[in-house]
Amino acid sequence: MKMERVYFVGAGPGDPELITIKGRKLLDQADVVIYAGSLVNPEIIRGIKAEIFDSSVMTLEEIIDTMTRGIAMGKMVVRLHTGDTSFYSAISEQIERLCASGIEYS
């Protein structure tokens, strides 16, 4: 199944046992995960099969390029942010760029 969207997942307060069930399922199914390595507890991504990118060493353009390349290749892409994604302001910049490229998100 081709995934035509980027999934934004919040890592919660940092304890790997407190991530939502849906967030855990998306991480387990993902082909590509981009996460804020300087902020997200590495235990949250331990053992996932996805190709992992640490956004703390990437520019916004590199993050968007990684997302769009993954989508173009038919991969399931998850953007993992610290905390609750509804309160994370950098997401709006990413969403604007994805929308401009015709890529959906959830």
PDB file of N, CA and C in Angstrom:
ATOM      1  N   MET A   1       0.850  -1.179   0.000  1.00  0.00           N
ATOM      2  CA  MET A   1       0.000   0.000   0.000  1.00  0.00           C
ATOM      3  C   MET A   1       0.893   1.239   0.000  1.00  0.00           C
ATOM      4  N   LYS A   2       0.606   2.167  -0.896  1.00  0.00           N
ATOM      5  CA  LYS A   2       1.385   3.397  -0.984  1.00  0.00           C
ATOM      6  C   LYS A   2       0.822   4.429   0.000  1.00  0.00           C
ATOM      7  N   MET A   3       1.694   4.984   0.821  1.00  0.00           N
ATOM      8  CA  MET A   3       1.287   5.996   1.787  1.00  0.00           C
ATOM      9  C   MET A   3       1.534   7.367   1.182  1.00  0.00           C
ATOM     10  N   GLU A   4       0.479   8.143   1.031  1.00  0.00           N
ATOM     11  CA  GLU A   4       0.586   9.464   0.414  1.00  0.00           C
ATOM     12  C   GLU A   4       0.587  10.572   1.459  1.00  0.00           C
ATOM     13  N   ARG A   5       1.020  10.248   2.646  1.00  0.00           N
ATOM     14  CA  ARG A   5       0.994  11.255   3.709  1.00  0.00           C
ATOM     15  C   ARG A   5       2.161  11.048   4.660  1.00  0.00           C
ATOM     16  N   VAL A   6       2.474  12.103   5.383  1.00  0.00           N
ATOM     17  CA  VAL A   6       3.463  12.036   6.452  1.00  0.00           C
ATOM     18  C   VAL A   6       2.686  12.005   7.763  1.00  0.00           C
ATOM     19  N   TYR A   7       3.064  11.108   8.631  1.00  0.00           N
ATOM     20  CA  TYR A   7       2.415  10.987   9.930  1.00  0.00           C
ATOM     21  C   TYR A   7       3.259  11.698  10.980  1.00  0.00           C
ATOM     22  N   PHE A   8       2.671  12.688  11.644  1.00  0.00           N
ATOM     23  CA  PHE A   8       3.332  13.386  12.744  1.00  0.00           C
ATOM     24  C   PHE A   8       2.945  12.677  14.042  1.00  0.00           C
ATOM     25  N   VAL A   9       3.946  12.287  14.811  1.00  0.00           N
ATOM     26  CA  VAL A   9       3.718  11.558  16.057  1.00  0.00           C
ATOM     27  C   VAL A   9       4.429  12.296  17.181  1.00  0.00           C
ATOM     28  N   GLY A  10       3.735  12.464  18.289  1.00  0.00           N
ATOM     29  CA  GLY A  10       4.338  13.071  19.473  1.00  0.00           C
ATOM     30  C   GLY A  10       4.959  11.996  20.354  1.00  0.00           C
ATOM     31  N   ALA A  11       6.161  12.231  20.826  1.00  0.00           N
ATOM     32  CA  ALA A  11       6.866  11.264  21.674  1.00  0.00           C
ATOM     33  C   ALA A  11       6.391  11.305  23.122  1.00  0.00           C
ATOM     34  N   GLY A  12       5.495  12.222  23.431  1.00  0.00           N
ATOM     35  CA  GLY A  12       5.005  12.335  24.797  1.00  0.00           C
ATOM     36  C   GLY A  12       6.042  12.956  25.721  1.00  0.00           C
ATOM     37  N   PRO A  13       5.906  12.719  27.025  1.00  0.00           N
ATOM     38  CA  PRO A  13       6.792  13.362  27.995  1.00  0.00           C
ATOM     39  C   PRO A  13       8.191  12.740  28.079  1.00  0.00           C
ATOM     40  N   GLY A  14       8.455  11.718  27.283  1.00  0.00           N
ATOM     41  CA  GLY A  14       9.801  11.150  27.256  1.00  0.00           C
ATOM     42  C   GLY A  14       9.902   9.696  27.667  1.00  0.00           C
ATOM     43  N   ASP A  15       9.002   9.236  28.508  1.00  0.00           N
ATOM     44  CA  ASP A  15       9.006   7.838  28.924  1.00  0.00           C
ATOM     45  C   ASP A  15       8.459   6.993  27.774  1.00  0.00           C
ATOM     46  N   PRO A  16       9.205   6.009  27.280  1.00  0.00           N
ATOM     47  CA  PRO A  16       8.746   5.195  26.150  1.00  0.00           C
ATOM     48  C   PRO A  16       7.414   4.486  26.399  1.00  0.00           C
ATOM     49  N   GLU A  17       7.069   4.262  27.652  1.00  0.00           N
ATOM     50  CA  GLU A  17       5.807   3.595  27.959  1.00  0.00           C
ATOM     51  C   GLU A  17       4.614   4.547  27.899  1.00  0.00           C
ATOM     52  N   LEU A  18       4.872   5.842  27.714  1.00  0.00           N
ATOM     53  CA  LEU A  18       3.777   6.810  27.697  1.00  0.00           C
ATOM     54  C   LEU A  18       3.415   7.299  26.295  1.00  0.00           C
ATOM     55  N   ILE A  19       4.079   6.808  25.250  1.00  0.00           N
ATOM     56  CA  ILE A  19       3.692   7.172  23.895  1.00  0.00           C
ATOM     57  C   ILE A  19       2.324   6.529  23.619  1.00  0.00           C
ATOM     58  N   THR A  20       1.515   7.165  22.790  1.00  0.00           N
ATOM     59  CA  THR A  20       0.192   6.614  22.517  1.00  0.00           C
ATOM     60  C   THR A  20       0.304   5.283  21.777  1.00  0.00           C
ATOM     61  N   ILE A  21      -0.734   4.486  21.882  1.00  0.00           N
ATOM     62  CA  ILE A  21      -0.769   3.206  21.167  1.00  0.00           C
ATOM     63  C   ILE A  21      -0.702   3.451  19.667  1.00  0.00           C
ATOM     64  N   LYS A  22      -1.442   4.437  19.181  1.00  0.00           N
ATOM     65  CA  LYS A  22      -1.413   4.749  17.746  1.00  0.00           C
ATOM     66  C   LYS A  22      -0.013   5.192  17.318  1.00  0.00           C
ATOM     67  N   GLY A  23       0.628   6.028  18.121  1.00  0.00           N
ATOM     68  CA  GLY A  23       1.984   6.471  17.809  1.00  0.00           C
ATOM     69  C   GLY A  23       2.949   5.304  17.730  1.00  0.00           C
ATOM     70  N   ARG A  24       2.856   4.373  18.676  1.00  0.00           N
ATOM     71  CA  ARG A  24       3.720   3.184  18.678  1.00  0.00           C
ATOM     72  C   ARG A  24       3.477   2.345  17.430  1.00  0.00           C
ATOM     73  N   LYS A  25       2.202   2.160  17.063  1.00  0.00           N
ATOM     74  CA  LYS A  25       1.878   1.373  15.860  1.00  0.00           C
ATOM     75  C   LYS A  25       2.463   2.020  14.612  1.00  0.00           C
ATOM     76  N   LEU A  26       2.336   3.333  14.499  1.00  0.00           N
ATOM     77  CA  LEU A  26       2.884   4.033  13.335  1.00  0.00           C
ATOM     78  C   LEU A  26       4.401   3.887  13.273  1.00  0.00           C
ATOM     79  N   LEU A  27       5.074   4.015  14.401  1.00  0.00           N
ATOM     80  CA  LEU A  27       6.529   3.843  14.428  1.00  0.00           C
ATOM     81  C   LEU A  27       6.920   2.422  14.029  1.00  0.00           C
ATOM     82  N   ASP A  28       6.171   1.443  14.498  1.00  0.00           N
ATOM     83  CA  ASP A  28       6.473   0.048  14.181  1.00  0.00           C
ATOM     84  C   ASP A  28       6.255  -0.269  12.703  1.00  0.00           C
ATOM     85  N   GLN A  29       5.330   0.443  12.051  1.00  0.00           N
ATOM     86  CA  GLN A  29       5.018   0.203  10.639  1.00  0.00           C
ATOM     87  C   GLN A  29       5.845   1.065   9.689  1.00  0.00           C
ATOM     88  N   ALA A  30       6.473   2.089  10.197  1.00  0.00           N
ATOM     89  CA  ALA A  30       7.154   3.079   9.353  1.00  0.00           C
ATOM     90  C   ALA A  30       8.348   2.496   8.604  1.00  0.00           C
ATOM     91  N   ASP A  31       8.574   3.069   7.409  1.00  0.00           N
ATOM     92  CA  ASP A  31       9.774   2.774   6.626  1.00  0.00           C
ATOM     93  C   ASP A  31      10.843   3.832   6.876  1.00  0.00           C
ATOM     94  N   VAL A  32      10.394   5.058   7.162  1.00  0.00           N
ATOM     95  CA  VAL A  32      11.286   6.189   7.409  1.00  0.00           C
ATOM     96  C   VAL A  32      10.790   6.909   8.661  1.00  0.00           C
ATOM     97  N   VAL A  33      11.699   7.168   9.598  1.00  0.00           N
ATOM     98  CA  VAL A  33      11.368   7.954  10.789  1.00  0.00           C
ATOM     99  C   VAL A  33      12.386   9.082  10.900  1.00  0.00           C
ATOM    100  N   ILE A  34      11.862  10.298  11.023  1.00  0.00           N
ATOM    101  CA  ILE A  34      12.694  11.478  11.246  1.00  0.00           C
ATOM    102  C   ILE A  34      12.357  11.963  12.654  1.00  0.00           C
ATOM    103  N   TYR A  35      13.370  12.028  13.517  1.00  0.00           N
ATOM    104  CA  TYR A  35      13.099  12.385  14.906  1.00  0.00           C
ATOM    105  C   TYR A  35      14.109  13.412  15.402  1.00  0.00           C
ATOM    106  N   ALA A  36      13.709  14.166  16.407  1.00  0.00           N
ATOM    107  CA  ALA A  36      14.578  15.184  17.000  1.00  0.00           C
ATOM    108  C   ALA A  36      15.500  14.501  18.004  1.00  0.00           C
ATOM    109  N   GLY A  37      16.655  14.059  17.533  1.00  0.00           N
ATOM    110  CA  GLY A  37      17.572  13.277  18.355  1.00  0.00           C
ATOM    111  C   GLY A  37      18.044  13.965  19.617  1.00  0.00           C
ATOM    112  N   SER A  38      18.071  15.276  19.603  1.00  0.00           N
ATOM    113  CA  SER A  38      18.519  16.001  20.789  1.00  0.00           C
ATOM    114  C   SER A  38      17.423  16.117  21.844  1.00  0.00           C
ATOM    115  N   LEU A  39      16.180  15.755  21.483  1.00  0.00           N
ATOM    116  CA  LEU A  39      15.052  15.945  22.394  1.00  0.00           C
ATOM    117  C   LEU A  39      14.269  14.673  22.703  1.00  0.00           C
ATOM    118  N   VAL A  40      14.229  13.734  21.767  1.00  0.00           N
ATOM    119  CA  VAL A  40      13.414  12.527  21.923  1.00  0.00           C
ATOM    120  C   VAL A  40      14.247  11.422  22.572  1.00  0.00           C
ATOM    121  N   ASN A  41      13.676  10.783  23.570  1.00  0.00           N
ATOM    122  CA  ASN A  41      14.333   9.668  24.243  1.00  0.00           C
ATOM    123  C   ASN A  41      14.623   8.566  23.213  1.00  0.00           C
ATOM    124  N   PRO A  42      15.882   8.164  23.043  1.00  0.00           N
ATOM    125  CA  PRO A  42      16.222   7.154  22.037  1.00  0.00           C
ATOM    126  C   PRO A  42      15.565   5.800  22.278  1.00  0.00           C
ATOM    127  N   GLU A  43      15.112   5.534  23.494  1.00  0.00           N
ATOM    128  CA  GLU A  43      14.410   4.278  23.781  1.00  0.00           C
ATOM    129  C   GLU A  43      13.116   4.169  22.980  1.00  0.00           C
ATOM    130  N   ILE A  44      12.530   5.304  22.611  1.00  0.00           N
ATOM    131  CA  ILE A  44      11.261   5.298  21.876  1.00  0.00           C
ATOM    132  C   ILE A  44      11.432   4.701  20.486  1.00  0.00           C
ATOM    133  N   ILE A  45      12.602   4.872  19.883  1.00  0.00           N
ATOM    134  CA  ILE A  45      12.806   4.335  18.530  1.00  0.00           C
ATOM    135  C   ILE A  45      13.645   3.056  18.516  1.00  0.00           C
ATOM    136  N   ARG A  46      14.072   2.603  19.653  1.00  0.00           N
ATOM    137  CA  ARG A  46      14.883   1.384  19.720  1.00  0.00           C
ATOM    138  C   ARG A  46      14.087   0.198  19.157  1.00  0.00           C
ATOM    139  N   GLY A  47      14.714  -0.539  18.253  1.00  0.00           N
ATOM    140  CA  GLY A  47      14.107  -1.752  17.720  1.00  0.00           C
ATOM    141  C   GLY A  47      13.179  -1.570  16.533  1.00  0.00           C
ATOM    142  N   ILE A  48      12.912  -0.341  16.116  1.00  0.00           N
ATOM    143  CA  ILE A  48      12.039  -0.186  14.952  1.00  0.00           C
ATOM    144  C   ILE A  48      12.826  -0.510  13.687  1.00  0.00           C
ATOM    145  N   LYS A  49      12.115  -0.964  12.653  1.00  0.00           N
ATOM    146  CA  LYS A  49      12.764  -1.406  11.418  1.00  0.00           C
ATOM    147  C   LYS A  49      13.060  -0.264  10.448  1.00  0.00           C
ATOM    148  N   ALA A  50      12.539   0.885  10.706  1.00  0.00           N
ATOM    149  CA  ALA A  50      12.629   2.018   9.777  1.00  0.00           C
ATOM    150  C   ALA A  50      14.053   2.532   9.609  1.00  0.00           C
ATOM    151  N   GLU A  51      14.259   3.204   8.472  1.00  0.00           N
ATOM    152  CA  GLU A  51      15.468   3.992   8.285  1.00  0.00           C
ATOM    153  C   GLU A  51      15.282   5.238   9.152  1.00  0.00           C
ATOM    154  N   ILE A  52      16.259   5.545   9.994  1.00  0.00           N
ATOM    155  CA  ILE A  52      16.110   6.609  10.989  1.00  0.00           C
ATOM    156  C   ILE A  52      17.013   7.788  10.652  1.00  0.00           C
ATOM    157  N   PHE A  53      16.421   8.998  10.721  1.00  0.00           N
ATOM    158  CA  PHE A  53      17.150  10.237  10.475  1.00  0.00           C
ATOM    159  C   PHE A  53      17.034  11.124  11.703  1.00  0.00           C
ATOM    160  N   ASP A  54      18.146  11.671  12.149  1.00  0.00           N
ATOM    161  CA  ASP A  54      18.182  12.571  13.301  1.00  0.00           C
ATOM    162  C   ASP A  54      18.079  14.011  12.800  1.00  0.00           C
ATOM    163  N   SER A  55      16.935  14.627  13.025  1.00  0.00           N
ATOM    164  CA  SER A  55      16.693  15.979  12.508  1.00  0.00           C
ATOM    165  C   SER A  55      17.481  17.056  13.249  1.00  0.00           C
ATOM    166  N   SER A  56      18.098  16.707  14.382  1.00  0.00           N
ATOM    167  CA  SER A  56      18.854  17.729  15.114  1.00  0.00           C
ATOM    168  C   SER A  56      20.097  18.177  14.349  1.00  0.00           C
ATOM    169  N   VAL A  57      20.487  17.413  13.343  1.00  0.00           N
ATOM    170  CA  VAL A  57      21.642  17.786  12.518  1.00  0.00           C
ATOM    171  C   VAL A  57      21.226  18.096  11.080  1.00  0.00           C
ATOM    172  N   MET A  58      19.915  18.307  10.871  1.00  0.00           N
ATOM    173  CA  MET A  58      19.388  18.572   9.531  1.00  0.00           C
ATOM    174  C   MET A  58      18.776  19.968   9.466  1.00  0.00           C
ATOM    175  N   THR A  59      18.818  20.569   8.276  1.00  0.00           N
ATOM    176  CA  THR A  59      18.101  21.823   8.045  1.00  0.00           C
ATOM    177  C   THR A  59      16.644  21.498   7.744  1.00  0.00           C
ATOM    178  N   LEU A  60      15.795  22.507   7.773  1.00  0.00           N
ATOM    179  CA  LEU A  60      14.396  22.309   7.414  1.00  0.00           C
ATOM    180  C   LEU A  60      14.289  21.743   5.998  1.00  0.00           C
ATOM    181  N   GLU A  61      15.099  22.262   5.090  1.00  0.00           N
ATOM    182  CA  GLU A  61      15.069  21.787   3.706  1.00  0.00           C
ATOM    183  C   GLU A  61      15.443  20.307   3.622  1.00  0.00           C
ATOM    184  N   GLU A  62      16.428  19.886   4.402  1.00  0.00           N
ATOM    185  CA  GLU A  62      16.831  18.473   4.403  1.00  0.00           C
ATOM    186  C   GLU A  62      15.733  17.583   4.985  1.00  0.00           C
ATOM    187  N   ILE A  63      15.057  18.071   6.000  1.00  0.00           N
ATOM    188  CA  ILE A  63      13.955  17.314   6.597  1.00  0.00           C
ATOM    189  C   ILE A  63      12.840  17.130   5.572  1.00  0.00           C
ATOM    190  N   ILE A  64      12.446  18.215   4.926  1.00  0.00           N
ATOM    191  CA  ILE A  64      11.375  18.144   3.924  1.00  0.00           C
ATOM    192  C   ILE A  64      11.790  17.253   2.763  1.00  0.00           C
ATOM    193  N   ASP A  65      13.026  17.372   2.319  1.00  0.00           N
ATOM    194  CA  ASP A  65      13.519  16.540   1.221  1.00  0.00           C
ATOM    195  C   ASP A  65      13.475  15.057   1.595  1.00  0.00           C
ATOM    196  N   THR A  66      13.849  14.733   2.809  1.00  0.00           N
ATOM    197  CA  THR A  66      13.805  13.343   3.267  1.00  0.00           C
ATOM    198  C   THR A  66      12.374  12.830   3.279  1.00  0.00           C
ATOM    199  N   MET A  67      11.441  13.662   3.740  1.00  0.00           N
ATOM    200  CA  MET A  67      10.030  13.277   3.745  1.00  0.00           C
ATOM    201  C   MET A  67       9.515  13.060   2.322  1.00  0.00           C
ATOM    202  N   THR A  68       9.757  14.029   1.442  1.00  0.00           N
ATOM    203  CA  THR A  68       9.211  13.946   0.083  1.00  0.00           C
ATOM    204  C   THR A  68       9.836  12.798  -0.702  1.00  0.00           C
ATOM    205  N   ARG A  69      11.123  12.538  -0.512  1.00  0.00           N
ATOM    206  CA  ARG A  69      11.756  11.392  -1.184  1.00  0.00           C
ATOM    207  C   ARG A  69      11.142  10.082  -0.703  1.00  0.00           C
ATOM    208  N   GLY A  70      10.914   9.981   0.592  1.00  0.00           N
ATOM    209  CA  GLY A  70      10.289   8.774   1.133  1.00  0.00           C
ATOM    210  C   GLY A  70       8.914   8.546   0.546  1.00  0.00           C
ATOM    211  N   ILE A  71       8.101   9.591   0.515  1.00  0.00           N
ATOM    212  CA  ILE A  71       6.755   9.488  -0.055  1.00  0.00           C
ATOM    213  C   ILE A  71       6.830   9.114  -1.530  1.00  0.00           C
ATOM    214  N   ALA A  72       7.729   9.748  -2.286  1.00  0.00           N
ATOM    215  CA  ALA A  72       7.878   9.464  -3.718  1.00  0.00           C
ATOM    216  C   ALA A  72       8.259   8.005  -3.968  1.00  0.00           C
ATOM    217  N   MET A  73       8.948   7.401  -3.010  1.00  0.00           N
ATOM    218  CA  MET A  73       9.357   6.004  -3.139  1.00  0.00           C
ATOM    219  C   MET A  73       8.306   5.042  -2.580  1.00  0.00           C
ATOM    220  N   GLY A  74       7.142   5.582  -2.188  1.00  0.00           N
ATOM    221  CA  GLY A  74       6.064   4.746  -1.675  1.00  0.00           C
ATOM    222  C   GLY A  74       6.273   4.271  -0.250  1.00  0.00           C
ATOM    223  N   LYS A  75       7.117   4.961   0.491  1.00  0.00           N
ATOM    224  CA  LYS A  75       7.417   4.561   1.862  1.00  0.00           C
ATOM    225  C   LYS A  75       6.492   5.250   2.857  1.00  0.00           C
ATOM    226  N   MET A  76       6.300   4.599   3.988  1.00  0.00           N
ATOM    227  CA  MET A  76       5.537   5.201   5.078  1.00  0.00           C
ATOM    228  C   MET A  76       6.498   6.050   5.900  1.00  0.00           C
ATOM    229  N   VAL A  77       6.189   7.347   6.012  1.00  0.00           N
ATOM    230  CA  VAL A  77       7.075   8.310   6.666  1.00  0.00           C
ATOM    231  C   VAL A  77       6.435   8.816   7.959  1.00  0.00           C
ATOM    232  N   VAL A  78       7.195   8.751   9.042  1.00  0.00           N
ATOM    233  CA  VAL A  78       6.752   9.275  10.336  1.00  0.00           C
ATOM    234  C   VAL A  78       7.725  10.360  10.779  1.00  0.00           C
ATOM    235  N   ARG A  79       7.162  11.490  11.178  1.00  0.00           N
ATOM    236  CA  ARG A  79       7.950  12.587  11.760  1.00  0.00           C
ATOM    237  C   ARG A  79       7.675  12.572  13.252  1.00  0.00           C
ATOM    238  N   LEU A  80       8.667  12.177  14.036  1.00  0.00           N
ATOM    239  CA  LEU A  80       8.524  12.039  15.483  1.00  0.00           C
ATOM    240  C   LEU A  80       9.055  13.285  16.179  1.00  0.00           C
ATOM    241  N   HIS A  81       8.157  13.956  16.892  1.00  0.00           N
ATOM    242  CA  HIS A  81       8.513  15.172  17.631  1.00  0.00           C
ATOM    243  C   HIS A  81       8.440  14.911  19.120  1.00  0.00           C
ATOM    244  N   THR A  82       9.147  15.715  19.867  1.00  0.00           N
ATOM    245  CA  THR A  82       9.068  15.647  21.313  1.00  0.00           C
ATOM    246  C   THR A  82       7.693  16.129  21.780  1.00  0.00           C
ATOM    247  N   GLY A  83       7.238  15.615  22.885  1.00  0.00           N
ATOM    248  CA  GLY A  83       5.994  16.092  23.488  1.00  0.00           C
ATOM    249  C   GLY A  83       4.758  15.834  22.657  1.00  0.00           C
ATOM    250  N   ASP A  84       3.858  16.781  22.686  1.00  0.00           N
ATOM    251  CA  ASP A  84       2.577  16.727  21.992  1.00  0.00           C
ATOM    252  C   ASP A  84       2.694  17.544  20.714  1.00  0.00           C
ATOM    253  N   THR A  85       2.428  16.931  19.574  1.00  0.00           N
ATOM    254  CA  THR A  85       2.610  17.625  18.295  1.00  0.00           C
ATOM    255  C   THR A  85       1.717  18.848  18.137  1.00  0.00           C
ATOM    256  N   SER A  86       0.589  18.894  18.837  1.00  0.00           N
ATOM    257  CA  SER A  86      -0.294  20.053  18.690  1.00  0.00           C
ATOM    258  C   SER A  86       0.286  21.306  19.339  1.00  0.00           C
ATOM    259  N   PHE A  87       1.303  21.148  20.176  1.00  0.00           N
ATOM    260  CA  PHE A  87       1.928  22.294  20.830  1.00  0.00           C
ATOM    261  C   PHE A  87       3.305  22.622  20.274  1.00  0.00           C
ATOM    262  N   TYR A  88       3.731  21.920  19.265  1.00  0.00           N
ATOM    263  CA  TYR A  88       5.096  22.079  18.755  1.00  0.00           C
ATOM    264  C   TYR A  88       5.080  22.992  17.545  1.00  0.00           C
ATOM    265  N   SER A  89       5.599  24.197  17.672  1.00  0.00           N
ATOM    266  CA  SER A  89       5.451  25.232  16.647  1.00  0.00           C
ATOM    267  C   SER A  89       6.161  24.931  15.338  1.00  0.00           C
ATOM    268  N   ALA A  90       7.257  24.191  15.350  1.00  0.00           N
ATOM    269  CA  ALA A  90       7.998  23.916  14.112  1.00  0.00           C
ATOM    270  C   ALA A  90       7.194  23.055  13.145  1.00  0.00           C
ATOM    271  N   ILE A  91       6.175  22.401  13.629  1.00  0.00           N
ATOM    272  CA  ILE A  91       5.367  21.557  12.749  1.00  0.00           C
ATOM    273  C   ILE A  91       4.685  22.391  11.674  1.00  0.00           C
ATOM    274  N   SER A  92       4.260  23.601  12.007  1.00  0.00           N
ATOM    275  CA  SER A  92       3.554  24.428  11.018  1.00  0.00           C
ATOM    276  C   SER A  92       4.425  24.709   9.802  1.00  0.00           C
ATOM    277  N   GLU A  93       5.724  24.939  10.005  1.00  0.00           N
ATOM    278  CA  GLU A  93       6.637  25.158   8.873  1.00  0.00           C
ATOM    279  C   GLU A  93       6.710  23.918   7.986  1.00  0.00           C
ATOM    280  N   GLN A  94       6.767  22.770   8.613  1.00  0.00           N
ATOM    281  CA  GLN A  94       6.854  21.520   7.864  1.00  0.00           C
ATOM    282  C   GLN A  94       5.557  21.242   7.111  1.00  0.00           C
ATOM    283  N   ILE A  95       4.435  21.475   7.766  1.00  0.00           N
ATOM    284  CA  ILE A  95       3.132  21.254   7.139  1.00  0.00           C
ATOM    285  C   ILE A  95       2.957  22.162   5.927  1.00  0.00           C
ATOM    286  N   GLU A  96       3.333  23.427   6.052  1.00  0.00           N
ATOM    287  CA  GLU A  96       3.231  24.355   4.915  1.00  0.00           C
ATOM    288  C   GLU A  96       4.001  23.836   3.708  1.00  0.00           C
ATOM    289  N   ARG A  97       5.207  23.355   3.939  1.00  0.00           N
ATOM    290  CA  ARG A  97       6.045  22.856   2.836  1.00  0.00           C
ATOM    291  C   ARG A  97       5.486  21.561   2.252  1.00  0.00           C
ATOM    292  N   LEU A  98       4.976  20.695   3.094  1.00  0.00           N
ATOM    293  CA  LEU A  98       4.384  19.460   2.588  1.00  0.00           C
ATOM    294  C   LEU A  98       3.158  19.762   1.735  1.00  0.00           C
ATOM    295  N   CYS A  99       2.305  20.661   2.216  1.00  0.00           N
ATOM    296  CA  CYS A  99       1.106  21.046   1.459  1.00  0.00           C
ATOM    297  C   CYS A  99       1.481  21.660   0.117  1.00  0.00           C
ATOM    298  N   ALA A 100       2.517  22.482   0.095  1.00  0.00           N
ATOM    299  CA  ALA A 100       2.975  23.096  -1.156  1.00  0.00           C
ATOM    300  C   ALA A 100       3.454  22.040  -2.146  1.00  0.00           C
ATOM    301  N   SER A 101       3.889  20.891  -1.628  1.00  0.00           N
ATOM    302  CA  SER A 101       4.343  19.788  -2.480  1.00  0.00           C
ATOM    303  C   SER A 101       3.222  18.798  -2.776  1.00  0.00           C
ATOM    304  N   GLY A 102       2.024  19.079  -2.269  1.00  0.00           N
ATOM    305  CA  GLY A 102       0.885  18.194  -2.508  1.00  0.00           C
ATOM    306  C   GLY A 102       0.891  16.935  -1.656  1.00  0.00           C
ATOM    307  N   ILE A 103       1.602  16.971  -0.532  1.00  0.00           N
ATOM    308  CA  ILE A 103       1.682  15.809   0.354  1.00  0.00           C
ATOM    309  C   ILE A 103       0.784  16.044   1.561  1.00  0.00           C
ATOM    310  N   GLU A 104      -0.066  15.063   1.840  1.00  0.00           N
ATOM    311  CA  GLU A 104      -0.961  15.158   2.987  1.00  0.00           C
ATOM    312  C   GLU A 104      -0.222  14.785   4.268  1.00  0.00           C
ATOM    313  N   TYR A 105      -0.844  15.068   5.381  1.00  0.00           N
ATOM    314  CA  TYR A 105      -0.265  14.753   6.684  1.00  0.00           C
ATOM    315  C   TYR A 105      -1.368  14.399   7.661  1.00  0.00           C
ATOM    316  N   SER A 106      -0.989  13.729   8.718  1.00  0.00           N
ATOM    317  CA  SER A 106      -1.938  13.508   9.811  1.00  0.00           C
ATOM    318  C   SER A 106      -1.179  13.331  11.099  1.00  0.00           C
TER     319      SER A 106
END
